Amino acid sequence: MDEKQELGRQSVHQLHGTTVDDMRDPNQRLHRGLSARQVAMIAIGGAIGTGLIIGTGSALARAGPAAILISYCIVGFIVWIVMCALGEMATWLPCESGFTGYATRFVDPSLGFATGYVYWFKYVITTPNQLTAGALVIQYWVDRDTVNPGVWIAIFLLAIIAINYFGIRFFGEIEFWLSSIKVLTLVGLIILSLVIMLGGGPDHDRRGFRFWRDPGAFKTLYAEGNEGRFLATWSTFVTAAFAFIGTELVGVTVGECQNPRRVIPKAIKLTAFRIIVFYILSVLLVGTIVPYNSKTLIGAVKLQTGASASPFVVAMIESGIAVLPDFVNACILIFVFSASNSDLYIASRTLYGLAKEGKSHRIFARTNPRGVPVPALAMSALITCIAFLNVSTGSTTVFGYFVNLVTIFGLLAWISILVAHIYFVKARRAQGISDRSLVYKAPLGLWGSYFALAFCCLIALTKNYDVFIYSDTRDDPSLYKFDYKNFITGYLGIPLYLILIFGHKIVVGTKGWKPDEADLYTGRDVIDAEEEKFLEQQKMKIKTGKELVYDKYISWLF
């Protein structure tokens, strides 16, 4: 490594305070306690949520079956590119601060600062929203007048704090089984949808693709003809993006997974399979079993709570299945609890990563003997208490606008990952690191990241395009007025992101890294030593019969 590269390494750490000594400090280290199966299942669980189970219903009613299939396919392809880009960086340097650290090292410390705080904002907003959703799901059985929703919110909050506090191994095992239930539930819904589609329901109605012909594959929105069909299709991209957001949480777990250079590539390679099976197939089947003009569907979309708002449950009701909706509602409750649990985990680790880089108070970098960043966990949990605002029915409307921020924050995180990958590729080429030196390489390389970056920016800028449209086809005359509340909450993330970047640059005086100055090496020796130690321990370990069966027949999945 030449003098200029060494100067770049020293400069980046002078700017945000991270040193190799910090990485060896046991009081500031996370523990690598996540196994391969846990990381793989957490990756699935983080991506499967109410956005897919419930959100597809509103998209179907708004745009039609072909429109949601198109949007989910395109956004799914974008997500796969994002995950491949993240995988290439994470296997080269499994950084404890996650992908915010890559933005800091490879692009500009100010981008890392903005990415970290925007991502943290996202999850301290998402967590209380999930807690509120859990309370609303329970209202399917217990009315809010019987038991105040604040009771359920308090129970869920205490439970997820406890799971996160008892260490990464405990968290990983709990999340593994919760995610397994998610996967099994979705597989069951896919099979049930196929049965209903082929006429196996109580009504024996062989639907096939009939609903693609009548009422049709596309619904118009705000205009007639091709323009209306295009606007309807484009409106579903934000729903698809919301459903996929969270897939990138694998980038947060790299600091706590065992043998990350082996585990992460497997998790990334399975992403395409999961997108096709769990997302594309689900959306395709939903469009065949429920017509977009179904009165039951339109009524369910207006509720937006519990199983009754799911298009899968609408299909069960219309086909005459009476028992399963209660079961699906119970499964949705598990979906929400798992999501809130992993959301609090991500929030605490993101704040920990910011503190490790000197972008937040150093106290948030402190960890207990179990490797849990307790101060960061406490601060994140404290902010999630805003969920109690929803005990008042009047505040739920106001809080609903905060949810609009989640999608834009998630898109900005994807944008940061893609920018970091573009700079990483340029840096390693400038510093003579060949493709053969990589454990994992993004299949579409630099140009794939450029394409995904352009598309993410396009979605981010047009996600709330309907606030600018005034059409005679709108049913509610009040919507002729400019919807400034949705405009603000829909786009607030973009100016906030830019203010954080340029504000940090002005205050701290940072400059972007040139390709030959980017720090690609600091900490690799520590990671290499941990990896060698883990592999040695695995060689010395005597496996039981169950473990041998798992290794031979099941481990290929993970």
Protein backbone atom coordinates (compact mmCIF):
# COMPACT_ATOMS: atom_id res chain seq x y z
CA MET A 1 0.00 0.00 0.00
CA ASP A 2 1.52 3.35 -1.02
CA GLU A 3 1.87 6.54 1.03
CA LYS A 4 -1.25 8.18 -0.46
CA GLN A 5 -3.44 5.18 0.44
CA GLU A 6 -2.04 5.15 3.97
CA LEU A 7 -2.78 8.88 4.28
CA GLY A 8 -6.36 8.21 3.19
CA ARG A 9 -6.74 5.52 5.83
CA GLN A 10 -5.46 7.83 8.58
CA SER A 11 -7.58 10.77 7.44
CA VAL A 12 -10.87 8.92 7.38
CA HIS A 13 -10.41 7.73 10.93
CA GLN A 14 -9.31 11.15 12.15
CA LEU A 15 -12.62 12.46 10.81
CA HIS A 16 -14.91 9.99 12.54
CA GLY A 17 -12.81 8.63 15.35
CA THR A 18 -12.80 4.90 14.59
CA THR A 19 -9.51 3.11 15.05
CA VAL A 20 -8.32 -0.47 15.02
CA ASP A 21 -7.96 -0.18 18.80
CA ASP A 22 -11.68 0.63 18.98
CA MET A 23 -12.38 -2.55 17.03
CA ARG A 24 -10.41 -4.55 19.61
CA ASP A 25 -11.98 -2.85 22.67
CA PRO A 26 -14.26 -5.51 24.26
CA ASN A 27 -16.46 -2.78 25.73
CA GLN A 28 -17.23 -1.47 22.22
CA ARG A 29 -17.54 -4.73 20.31
CA LEU A 30 -20.57 -6.62 19.09
CA HIS A 31 -20.46 -10.40 19.42
CA ARG A 32 -20.56 -12.62 16.35
CA GLY A 33 -23.35 -14.84 17.61
CA LEU A 34 -25.63 -15.13 14.57
CA SER A 35 -25.33 -18.47 12.79
CA ALA A 36 -25.79 -19.04 9.07
CA ARG A 37 -29.34 -20.35 9.45
CA GLN A 38 -30.33 -17.38 11.63
CA VAL A 39 -28.92 -14.79 9.23
CA ALA A 40 -30.64 -16.44 6.27
CA MET A 41 -34.00 -16.69 8.00
CA ILE A 42 -33.75 -13.16 9.43
CA ALA A 43 -33.13 -11.94 5.88
CA ILE A 44 -36.36 -13.63 4.78
CA GLY A 45 -38.29 -12.43 7.82
CA GLY A 46 -37.15 -8.85 7.41
CA ALA A 47 -38.49 -8.75 3.88
CA ILE A 48 -41.82 -10.50 4.48
CA GLY A 49 -44.27 -8.31 6.36
CA THR A 50 -47.65 -6.66 6.34
CA GLY A 51 -46.65 -4.73 3.21
CA LEU A 52 -47.00 -7.96 1.23
CA ILE A 53 -49.82 -9.64 3.16
CA ILE A 54 -52.03 -6.54 3.50
CA GLY A 55 -50.58 -3.81 1.26
CA THR A 56 -51.12 -5.74 -1.97
CA GLY A 57 -54.87 -5.41 -1.44
CA SER A 58 -54.88 -1.62 -1.78
CA ALA A 59 -52.56 -1.82 -4.81
CA LEU A 60 -54.81 -4.39 -6.50
CA ALA A 61 -57.94 -2.31 -5.90
CA ARG A 62 -56.20 0.79 -7.25
CA ALA A 63 -54.46 -0.56 -10.36
CA GLY A 64 -55.42 -4.15 -11.23
CA PRO A 65 -53.55 -7.49 -11.28
CA ALA A 66 -51.17 -6.88 -14.21
CA ALA A 67 -50.09 -3.53 -12.77
CA ILE A 68 -49.03 -4.95 -9.40
CA LEU A 69 -47.28 -7.87 -11.08
CA ILE A 70 -45.24 -5.45 -13.22
CA SER A 71 -44.31 -3.20 -10.30
CA TYR A 72 -43.33 -6.08 -8.01
CA CYS A 73 -41.18 -7.67 -10.74
CA ILE A 74 -39.31 -4.43 -11.48
CA VAL A 75 -38.83 -3.41 -7.84
CA GLY A 76 -37.84 -6.99 -7.00
CA PHE A 77 -35.13 -6.81 -9.66
CA ILE A 78 -33.92 -3.50 -8.21
CA VAL A 79 -33.80 -5.00 -4.71
CA TRP A 80 -31.76 -7.94 -6.00
CA ILE A 81 -29.21 -5.52 -7.49
CA VAL A 82 -29.06 -3.59 -4.20
CA MET A 83 -28.48 -6.79 -2.23
CA CYS A 84 -25.76 -7.97 -4.64
CA ALA A 85 -24.00 -4.60 -4.31
CA LEU A 86 -24.24 -4.82 -0.53
CA GLY A 87 -22.98 -8.40 -0.58
CA GLU A 88 -19.86 -7.47 -2.54
CA MET A 89 -18.91 -4.80 0.01
CA ALA A 90 -19.94 -6.82 3.07
CA THR A 91 -17.83 -9.83 2.12
CA TRP A 92 -14.78 -7.66 1.45
CA LEU A 93 -15.11 -5.88 4.80
CA PRO A 94 -17.82 -7.07 7.24
CA CYS A 95 -18.16 -3.71 8.99
CA GLU A 96 -19.81 -3.40 12.42
CA SER A 97 -21.40 -0.11 11.43
CA GLY A 98 -23.10 -1.77 8.45
CA PHE A 99 -23.58 -0.05 5.12
CA THR A 100 -23.34 3.41 6.73
CA GLY A 101 -19.69 2.55 7.31
CA TYR A 102 -19.23 1.81 3.60
CA ALA A 103 -20.65 5.21 2.68
CA THR A 104 -18.19 6.79 5.12
CA ARG A 105 -15.15 4.82 3.96
CA PHE A 106 -15.68 4.73 0.22
CA VAL A 107 -17.62 7.92 -0.62
CA ASP A 108 -17.68 10.71 1.96
CA PRO A 109 -18.00 10.80 5.79
CA SER A 110 -20.89 13.22 5.31
CA LEU A 111 -22.80 10.65 3.25
CA GLY A 112 -22.20 8.09 6.00
CA PHE A 113 -23.51 10.61 8.56
CA ALA A 114 -26.70 11.30 6.57
CA THR A 115 -27.28 7.64 5.71
CA GLY A 116 -26.91 6.56 9.33
CA TYR A 117 -29.31 9.10 10.76
CA VAL A 118 -31.90 8.71 7.99
CA TYR A 119 -31.83 4.94 8.51
CA TRP A 120 -32.11 5.37 12.27
CA PHE A 121 -35.04 7.77 11.81
CA LYS A 122 -36.74 5.17 9.64
CA TYR A 123 -36.62 2.48 12.27
CA VAL A 124 -37.51 4.60 15.27
CA ILE A 125 -40.63 5.55 13.27
CA THR A 126 -41.32 2.04 11.97
CA THR A 127 -41.04 0.33 15.38
CA PRO A 128 -43.86 2.29 17.09
CA ASN A 129 -45.92 1.95 13.93
CA GLN A 130 -45.55 -1.84 14.12
CA LEU A 131 -46.48 -1.79 17.82
CA THR A 132 -49.59 0.20 16.97
CA ALA A 133 -50.42 -2.24 14.16
CA GLY A 134 -50.16 -5.09 16.67
CA ALA A 135 -52.68 -3.37 18.96
CA LEU A 136 -55.02 -2.84 16.01
CA VAL A 137 -54.74 -6.50 14.98
CA ILE A 138 -55.81 -7.58 18.47
CA GLN A 139 -58.91 -5.40 18.11
CA TYR A 140 -60.07 -8.10 15.66
CA TRP A 141 -60.88 -10.12 18.80
CA VAL A 142 -60.89 -7.59 21.69
CA ASP A 143 -62.59 -4.22 21.26
CA ARG A 144 -60.60 -1.10 22.25
CA ASP A 145 -63.37 -0.19 24.72
CA THR A 146 -62.77 -3.49 26.53
CA VAL A 147 -58.98 -3.25 26.70
CA ASN A 148 -57.15 0.01 26.00
CA PRO A 149 -54.70 -0.37 23.04
CA GLY A 150 -51.98 1.12 25.24
CA VAL A 151 -51.95 -2.11 27.27
CA TRP A 152 -51.06 -4.20 24.20
CA ILE A 153 -48.48 -1.63 23.07
CA ALA A 154 -46.80 -1.76 26.52
CA ILE A 155 -46.74 -5.58 26.50
CA PHE A 156 -45.22 -5.75 23.01
CA LEU A 157 -42.67 -3.03 23.77
CA LEU A 158 -41.46 -4.72 26.98
CA ALA A 159 -41.21 -8.05 25.15
CA ILE A 160 -39.07 -6.75 22.26
CA ILE A 161 -36.82 -4.79 24.65
CA ALA A 162 -36.24 -7.97 26.67
CA ILE A 163 -35.47 -10.04 23.54
CA ASN A 164 -32.95 -7.45 22.35
CA TYR A 165 -31.39 -7.03 25.80
CA PHE A 166 -30.58 -10.71 26.38
CA GLY A 167 -27.99 -10.82 23.63
CA ILE A 168 -27.58 -11.58 19.97
CA ARG A 169 -27.78 -15.36 20.33
CA PHE A 170 -31.16 -15.13 22.09
CA PHE A 171 -32.41 -12.53 19.60
CA GLY A 172 -31.21 -14.61 16.66
CA GLU A 173 -32.93 -17.78 17.86
CA ILE A 174 -36.24 -16.02 18.62
CA GLU A 175 -36.18 -14.23 15.26
CA PHE A 176 -35.31 -17.48 13.48
CA TRP A 177 -38.47 -19.18 14.70
CA LEU A 178 -40.67 -16.12 14.20
CA SER A 179 -39.36 -15.81 10.64
CA SER A 180 -39.93 -19.54 10.11
CA ILE A 181 -43.59 -19.05 11.04
CA LYS A 182 -43.75 -16.18 8.54
CA VAL A 183 -42.37 -18.36 5.76
CA LEU A 184 -44.67 -21.28 6.55
CA THR A 185 -47.68 -18.95 6.70
CA LEU A 186 -46.87 -17.43 3.33
CA VAL A 187 -46.25 -20.85 1.76
CA GLY A 188 -49.63 -21.93 3.12
CA LEU A 189 -51.33 -18.85 1.67
CA ILE A 190 -49.67 -19.47 -1.71
CA ILE A 191 -50.91 -23.08 -1.75
CA LEU A 192 -54.40 -22.03 -0.62
CA SER A 193 -54.52 -19.33 -3.31
CA LEU A 194 -53.57 -21.90 -5.94
CA VAL A 195 -56.32 -24.23 -4.68
CA ILE A 196 -58.92 -21.43 -4.83
CA MET A 197 -57.70 -20.41 -8.29
CA LEU A 198 -58.16 -23.97 -9.59
CA GLY A 199 -61.64 -24.36 -8.09
CA GLY A 200 -60.79 -26.30 -4.95
CA GLY A 201 -62.62 -23.91 -2.60
CA PRO A 202 -66.08 -24.55 -1.09
CA ASP A 203 -67.69 -22.64 -3.97
CA HIS A 204 -65.90 -24.84 -6.55
CA ASP A 205 -65.43 -21.78 -8.78
CA ARG A 206 -62.54 -22.42 -11.16
CA ARG A 207 -61.28 -18.83 -11.48
CA GLY A 208 -58.12 -19.33 -13.50
CA PHE A 209 -57.21 -15.99 -15.13
CA ARG A 210 -60.84 -14.98 -15.59
CA PHE A 211 -60.42 -11.77 -13.59
CA TRP A 212 -57.64 -10.68 -15.97
CA ARG A 213 -60.32 -10.53 -18.70
CA ASP A 214 -63.27 -9.31 -16.62
CA PRO A 215 -62.97 -6.73 -15.08
CA GLY A 216 -59.51 -6.67 -16.71
CA ALA A 217 -55.76 -6.76 -16.16
CA PHE A 218 -55.41 -3.00 -15.70
CA LYS A 219 -57.53 -0.40 -13.98
CA THR A 220 -57.35 3.27 -14.97
CA LEU A 221 -56.53 5.98 -12.45
CA TYR A 222 -57.00 9.77 -12.78
CA ALA A 223 -57.38 9.48 -16.58
CA GLU A 224 -58.79 7.17 -19.25
CA GLY A 225 -57.03 4.91 -21.71
CA ASN A 226 -53.31 4.21 -21.72
CA GLU A 227 -52.53 7.29 -19.65
CA GLY A 228 -54.84 6.11 -16.87
CA ARG A 229 -53.40 2.61 -16.97
CA PHE A 230 -49.85 3.99 -16.78
CA LEU A 231 -50.70 6.25 -13.82
CA ALA A 232 -52.38 3.34 -12.05
CA THR A 233 -49.37 1.09 -12.62
CA TRP A 234 -46.90 3.72 -11.48
CA SER A 235 -48.90 4.31 -8.29
CA THR A 236 -48.22 0.71 -7.23
CA PHE A 237 -44.43 1.12 -7.31
CA VAL A 238 -44.49 2.81 -3.93
CA THR A 239 -46.52 -0.12 -2.52
CA ALA A 240 -44.01 -2.57 -3.98
CA ALA A 241 -41.08 -0.57 -2.58
CA PHE A 242 -42.69 -0.51 0.88
CA ALA A 243 -43.17 -4.30 0.74
CA PHE A 244 -39.50 -4.90 -0.12
CA ILE A 245 -37.97 -2.35 2.26
CA GLY A 246 -36.17 -4.17 5.06
CA THR A 247 -34.44 -6.70 2.82
CA GLU A 248 -31.20 -4.74 3.28
CA LEU A 249 -31.10 -5.49 7.03
CA VAL A 250 -28.59 -8.26 6.20
CA GLY A 251 -26.12 -5.38 5.91
CA VAL A 252 -26.75 -4.53 9.57
CA THR A 253 -26.21 -8.11 10.78
CA VAL A 254 -22.74 -8.50 9.22
CA GLY A 255 -21.11 -7.22 12.41
CA GLU A 256 -22.71 -10.00 14.47
CA CYS A 257 -22.79 -13.06 12.22
CA GLN A 258 -20.36 -15.94 12.40
CA ASN A 259 -18.05 -16.36 9.42
CA PRO A 260 -19.69 -13.48 7.47
CA ARG A 261 -17.66 -14.08 4.31
CA ARG A 262 -19.34 -17.47 3.92
CA VAL A 263 -22.76 -16.62 5.34
CA ILE A 264 -23.49 -13.33 3.54
CA PRO A 265 -22.96 -14.61 -0.05
CA LYS A 266 -25.38 -17.48 0.59
CA ALA A 267 -28.00 -15.10 1.98
CA ILE A 268 -27.55 -12.78 -1.01
CA LYS A 269 -27.69 -15.57 -3.60
CA LEU A 270 -31.01 -16.81 -2.19
CA THR A 271 -32.53 -13.31 -2.52
CA ALA A 272 -33.59 -13.87 -6.13
CA PHE A 273 -35.26 -17.17 -5.23
CA ARG A 274 -37.13 -15.58 -2.31
CA ILE A 275 -38.28 -12.62 -4.40
CA ILE A 276 -39.67 -14.91 -7.11
CA VAL A 277 -41.35 -17.43 -4.80
CA PHE A 278 -42.61 -15.27 -1.94
CA TYR A 279 -43.32 -12.00 -3.71
CA ILE A 280 -43.89 -12.46 -7.43
CA LEU A 281 -45.83 -15.71 -7.06
CA SER A 282 -47.97 -14.28 -4.22
CA VAL A 283 -48.84 -11.17 -6.22
CA LEU A 284 -49.61 -13.23 -9.33
CA LEU A 285 -52.00 -15.51 -7.43
CA VAL A 286 -53.71 -12.66 -5.59
CA GLY A 287 -54.58 -11.13 -8.95
CA THR A 288 -56.25 -14.36 -10.05
CA ILE A 289 -58.43 -15.02 -6.99
CA VAL A 290 -59.78 -11.51 -6.28
CA PRO A 291 -61.06 -9.04 -8.91
CA TYR A 292 -59.95 -5.44 -8.44
CA ASN A 293 -63.57 -4.26 -8.35
CA SER A 294 -64.59 -6.66 -5.56
CA LYS A 295 -66.84 -4.85 -3.06
CA THR A 296 -65.37 -6.98 -0.27
CA LEU A 297 -61.85 -5.96 -1.28
CA ILE A 298 -62.72 -2.25 -1.54
CA GLY A 299 -64.37 -2.36 1.90
CA ALA A 300 -61.41 -4.25 3.39
CA VAL A 301 -58.90 -1.75 2.00
CA LYS A 302 -60.68 1.06 3.81
CA LEU A 303 -60.24 -0.80 7.13
CA GLN A 304 -56.46 -1.35 6.72
CA THR A 305 -56.26 -3.28 10.02
CA GLY A 306 -55.85 -6.94 10.77
CA ALA A 307 -56.67 -9.90 8.59
CA SER A 308 -59.84 -8.35 7.17
CA ALA A 309 -57.69 -5.94 5.11
CA SER A 310 -55.71 -8.77 3.45
CA PRO A 311 -56.62 -9.79 -0.12
CA PHE A 312 -55.91 -13.40 0.86
CA VAL A 313 -58.66 -13.22 3.50
CA VAL A 314 -60.99 -11.50 1.01
CA ALA A 315 -60.47 -14.49 -1.31
CA MET A 316 -61.26 -16.90 1.56
CA ILE A 317 -64.47 -15.03 2.39
CA GLU A 318 -65.63 -14.89 -1.22
CA SER A 319 -64.92 -18.59 -1.75
CA GLY A 320 -66.83 -19.55 1.41
CA ILE A 321 -63.95 -20.44 3.78
CA ALA A 322 -65.09 -19.34 7.25
CA VAL A 323 -62.43 -20.59 9.70
CA LEU A 324 -59.08 -19.48 8.31
CA PRO A 325 -59.44 -15.66 8.68
CA ASP A 326 -58.96 -15.96 12.46
CA PHE A 327 -55.85 -18.07 11.89
CA VAL A 328 -54.46 -15.62 9.36
CA ASN A 329 -55.07 -12.75 11.78
CA ALA A 330 -53.05 -14.60 14.43
CA CYS A 331 -50.26 -15.07 11.90
CA ILE A 332 -50.36 -11.36 10.99
CA LEU A 333 -49.94 -10.60 14.70
CA ILE A 334 -46.75 -12.71 14.65
CA PHE A 335 -45.64 -10.87 11.48
CA VAL A 336 -46.07 -7.52 13.24
CA PHE A 337 -44.34 -8.66 16.45
CA SER A 338 -41.38 -10.07 14.51
CA ALA A 339 -41.11 -6.88 12.46
CA SER A 340 -41.14 -4.65 15.56
CA ASN A 341 -38.51 -6.88 17.18
CA SER A 342 -36.12 -6.70 14.22
CA ASP A 343 -36.86 -2.98 13.73
CA LEU A 344 -35.73 -2.18 17.29
CA TYR A 345 -32.63 -4.32 16.70
CA ILE A 346 -31.74 -2.37 13.55
CA ALA A 347 -32.40 0.99 15.25
CA SER A 348 -30.07 0.16 18.15
CA ARG A 349 -27.30 -1.19 15.89
CA THR A 350 -27.53 1.82 13.56
CA LEU A 351 -27.14 4.25 16.47
CA TYR A 352 -24.27 2.09 17.78
CA GLY A 353 -22.58 2.30 14.36
CA LEU A 354 -22.94 6.09 14.31
CA ALA A 355 -21.34 6.31 17.76
CA LYS A 356 -18.48 4.01 16.72
CA GLU A 357 -17.70 6.45 13.90
CA GLY A 358 -17.88 9.49 16.19
CA LYS A 359 -21.12 10.73 14.59
CA SER A 360 -23.10 10.33 17.80
CA HIS A 361 -22.24 10.44 21.51
CA ARG A 362 -19.60 7.86 22.39
CA ILE A 363 -21.78 6.41 25.15
CA PHE A 364 -23.94 4.78 22.47
CA ALA A 365 -20.93 2.72 21.38
CA ARG A 366 -20.69 1.01 24.79
CA THR A 367 -21.67 -2.67 24.94
CA ASN A 368 -22.33 -5.02 27.85
CA PRO A 369 -20.59 -8.41 28.33
CA ARG A 370 -23.15 -10.00 25.98
CA GLY A 371 -22.17 -7.56 23.21
CA VAL A 372 -25.44 -5.62 23.39
CA PRO A 373 -25.18 -1.82 22.89
CA VAL A 374 -27.44 -1.10 25.89
CA PRO A 375 -27.33 2.73 25.74
CA ALA A 376 -28.22 2.67 22.02
CA LEU A 377 -30.97 0.13 22.72
CA ALA A 378 -32.35 2.27 25.56
CA MET A 379 -32.41 5.46 23.48
CA SER A 380 -34.11 3.74 20.53
CA ALA A 381 -36.66 2.08 22.84
CA LEU A 382 -37.37 5.40 24.56
CA ILE A 383 -38.26 7.06 21.26
CA THR A 384 -40.54 4.17 20.28
CA CYS A 385 -42.74 5.15 23.21
CA ILE A 386 -44.38 7.62 20.82
CA ALA A 387 -46.50 4.58 19.92
CA PHE A 388 -48.60 5.50 22.98
CA LEU A 389 -49.80 8.56 21.05
CA ASN A 390 -52.06 6.18 19.19
CA VAL A 391 -54.03 5.42 22.34
CA SER A 392 -55.86 8.61 21.46
CA THR A 393 -57.98 8.03 18.36
CA GLY A 394 -57.46 11.65 17.28
CA SER A 395 -53.70 11.26 16.97
CA THR A 396 -53.75 8.16 14.75
CA THR A 397 -54.41 10.31 11.68
CA VAL A 398 -51.43 12.52 12.49
CA PHE A 399 -49.23 9.52 13.19
CA GLY A 400 -50.29 7.96 9.90
CA TYR A 401 -48.40 10.70 8.09
CA PHE A 402 -45.18 9.58 9.77
CA VAL A 403 -45.63 6.20 8.13
CA ASN A 404 -45.36 7.97 4.77
CA LEU A 405 -41.76 8.79 5.70
CA VAL A 406 -40.78 5.13 5.96
CA THR A 407 -40.78 4.46 2.22
CA ILE A 408 -38.70 7.52 1.34
CA PHE A 409 -36.19 6.74 4.10
CA GLY A 410 -35.93 3.17 2.83
CA LEU A 411 -35.37 4.34 -0.75
CA LEU A 412 -32.67 6.75 0.44
CA ALA A 413 -30.93 3.84 2.20
CA TRP A 414 -30.95 1.86 -1.08
CA ILE A 415 -29.59 4.91 -2.91
CA SER A 416 -26.74 5.21 -0.38
CA ILE A 417 -25.87 1.52 -0.73
CA LEU A 418 -25.73 1.80 -4.52
CA VAL A 419 -23.63 4.99 -4.43
CA ALA A 420 -21.24 3.33 -1.96
CA HIS A 421 -20.94 0.29 -4.23
CA ILE A 422 -20.18 2.44 -7.28
CA TYR A 423 -17.41 4.21 -5.37
CA PHE A 424 -16.18 0.90 -3.92
CA VAL A 425 -15.75 -0.62 -7.39
CA LYS A 426 -13.89 2.46 -8.60
CA ALA A 427 -11.67 2.45 -5.47
CA ARG A 428 -10.68 -1.19 -5.67
CA ARG A 429 -9.85 -0.83 -9.36
CA ALA A 430 -7.74 2.25 -8.63
CA GLN A 431 -5.96 0.40 -5.82
CA GLY A 432 -5.27 -2.70 -7.89
CA ILE A 433 -7.73 -5.10 -6.29
CA SER A 434 -8.86 -7.56 -8.96
CA ASP A 435 -12.23 -9.28 -9.18
CA ARG A 436 -10.53 -12.57 -8.31
CA SER A 437 -9.66 -11.16 -4.88
CA LEU A 438 -13.34 -10.85 -4.00
CA VAL A 439 -15.24 -13.50 -2.08
CA TYR A 440 -18.44 -12.39 -3.82
CA LYS A 441 -18.93 -10.12 -6.82
CA ALA A 442 -22.18 -8.42 -7.86
CA PRO A 443 -23.23 -10.20 -11.12
CA LEU A 444 -24.26 -6.99 -12.92
CA GLY A 445 -21.30 -5.01 -11.57
CA LEU A 446 -21.00 -1.26 -11.83
CA TRP A 447 -23.65 -0.78 -14.54
CA GLY A 448 -26.24 -2.73 -12.58
CA SER A 449 -25.76 -0.32 -9.68
CA TYR A 450 -26.05 2.68 -12.02
CA PHE A 451 -29.35 1.34 -13.39
CA ALA A 452 -30.80 0.57 -9.95
CA LEU A 453 -29.64 3.96 -8.63
CA ALA A 454 -31.42 5.80 -11.45
CA PHE A 455 -34.64 3.84 -10.89
CA CYS A 456 -34.57 4.36 -7.10
CA CYS A 457 -34.14 8.11 -7.63
CA LEU A 458 -37.05 8.11 -10.08
CA ILE A 459 -39.35 6.33 -7.60
CA ALA A 460 -38.23 8.61 -4.77
CA LEU A 461 -39.04 11.74 -6.79
CA THR A 462 -42.40 10.52 -8.12
CA LYS A 463 -43.72 8.35 -5.27
CA ASN A 464 -46.39 10.90 -4.32
CA TYR A 465 -47.10 12.19 -7.82
CA ASP A 466 -50.85 12.12 -7.18
CA VAL A 467 -50.65 15.22 -4.95
CA PHE A 468 -49.99 17.18 -8.16
CA ILE A 469 -52.91 15.68 -10.10
CA TYR A 470 -56.36 17.26 -10.24
CA SER A 471 -58.71 15.00 -12.14
CA ASP A 472 -62.47 14.92 -12.69
CA THR A 473 -62.36 11.15 -12.12
CA ARG A 474 -61.72 11.61 -8.39
CA ASP A 475 -64.74 10.66 -6.30
CA ASP A 476 -64.10 13.01 -3.38
CA PRO A 477 -64.29 16.72 -4.31
CA SER A 478 -62.09 17.64 -1.34
CA LEU A 479 -59.18 15.95 -3.11
CA TYR A 480 -59.17 18.70 -5.71
CA LYS A 481 -57.22 20.74 -3.17
CA PHE A 482 -53.46 20.38 -2.99
CA ASP A 483 -52.72 17.66 -0.41
CA TYR A 484 -49.88 19.45 1.33
CA LYS A 485 -49.77 17.02 4.28
CA ASN A 486 -49.03 14.02 2.07
CA PHE A 487 -46.64 16.13 0.01
CA ILE A 488 -44.62 17.12 3.10
CA THR A 489 -44.49 13.67 4.66
CA GLY A 490 -43.90 12.01 1.29
CA TYR A 491 -40.91 14.16 0.35
CA LEU A 492 -39.57 15.45 3.69
CA GLY A 493 -36.91 12.75 3.69
CA ILE A 494 -35.18 14.12 0.59
CA PRO A 495 -34.39 17.65 1.87
CA LEU A 496 -33.56 16.18 5.30
CA TYR A 497 -31.08 13.80 3.64
CA LEU A 498 -29.45 16.64 1.69
CA ILE A 499 -29.36 18.96 4.73
CA LEU A 500 -27.61 16.25 6.77
CA ILE A 501 -25.03 15.69 4.01
CA PHE A 502 -24.19 19.32 3.29
CA GLY A 503 -24.69 20.50 6.88
CA HIS A 504 -22.17 17.92 8.06
CA LYS A 505 -19.75 18.92 5.30
CA ILE A 506 -19.97 22.59 6.31
CA VAL A 507 -19.61 21.96 10.04
CA VAL A 508 -16.93 19.26 9.90
CA GLY A 509 -15.27 20.28 6.66
CA THR A 510 -15.16 16.85 5.03
CA LYS A 511 -14.29 16.09 1.43
CA GLY A 512 -15.22 13.14 -0.71
CA TRP A 513 -12.64 10.38 -1.12
CA LYS A 514 -10.83 9.91 -4.39
CA PRO A 515 -10.69 6.29 -5.57
CA ASP A 516 -7.04 5.90 -4.55
CA GLU A 517 -7.71 7.44 -1.09
CA ALA A 518 -10.68 5.31 0.01
CA ASP A 519 -9.98 3.12 3.04
CA LEU A 520 -10.43 -0.49 1.92
CA TYR A 521 -8.21 -2.16 4.49
CA THR A 522 -8.51 -0.89 8.07
CA GLY A 523 -10.01 -3.61 10.26
CA ARG A 524 -9.57 -6.44 7.77
CA ASP A 525 -6.85 -7.98 9.92
CA VAL A 526 -9.23 -8.11 12.89
CA ILE A 527 -11.95 -9.70 10.74
CA ASP A 528 -9.47 -12.19 9.27
CA ALA A 529 -8.29 -13.21 12.75
CA GLU A 530 -11.89 -13.72 13.94
CA GLU A 531 -12.68 -15.77 10.84
CA GLU A 532 -9.63 -18.04 11.32
CA LYS A 533 -10.50 -18.54 14.99
CA PHE A 534 -14.09 -19.47 14.14
CA LEU A 535 -13.04 -21.95 11.45
CA GLU A 536 -10.56 -23.57 13.84
CA GLN A 537 -13.28 -23.93 16.47
CA GLN A 538 -15.57 -25.53 13.89
CA LYS A 539 -12.89 -28.07 12.97
CA MET A 540 -12.37 -29.00 16.62
CA LYS A 541 -16.08 -29.26 17.35
CA ILE A 542 -17.56 -32.77 17.54
CA LYS A 543 -20.93 -32.69 15.84
CA THR A 544 -23.97 -34.58 17.09
CA GLY A 545 -26.18 -36.76 14.89
CA LYS A 546 -28.74 -33.99 14.50
CA GLU A 547 -26.06 -31.53 13.41
CA LEU A 548 -24.72 -33.99 10.83
CA VAL A 549 -28.22 -34.47 9.40
CA TYR A 550 -28.68 -30.68 9.31
CA ASP A 551 -25.34 -30.15 7.53
CA LYS A 552 -26.09 -32.80 4.92
CA TYR A 553 -29.75 -32.21 4.12
CA ILE A 554 -30.82 -28.74 5.31
CA SER A 555 -27.80 -26.40 5.48
CA TRP A 556 -27.77 -25.90 1.69
CA LEU A 557 -30.80 -23.65 2.17
CA PHE A 558 -28.77 -21.29 4.31
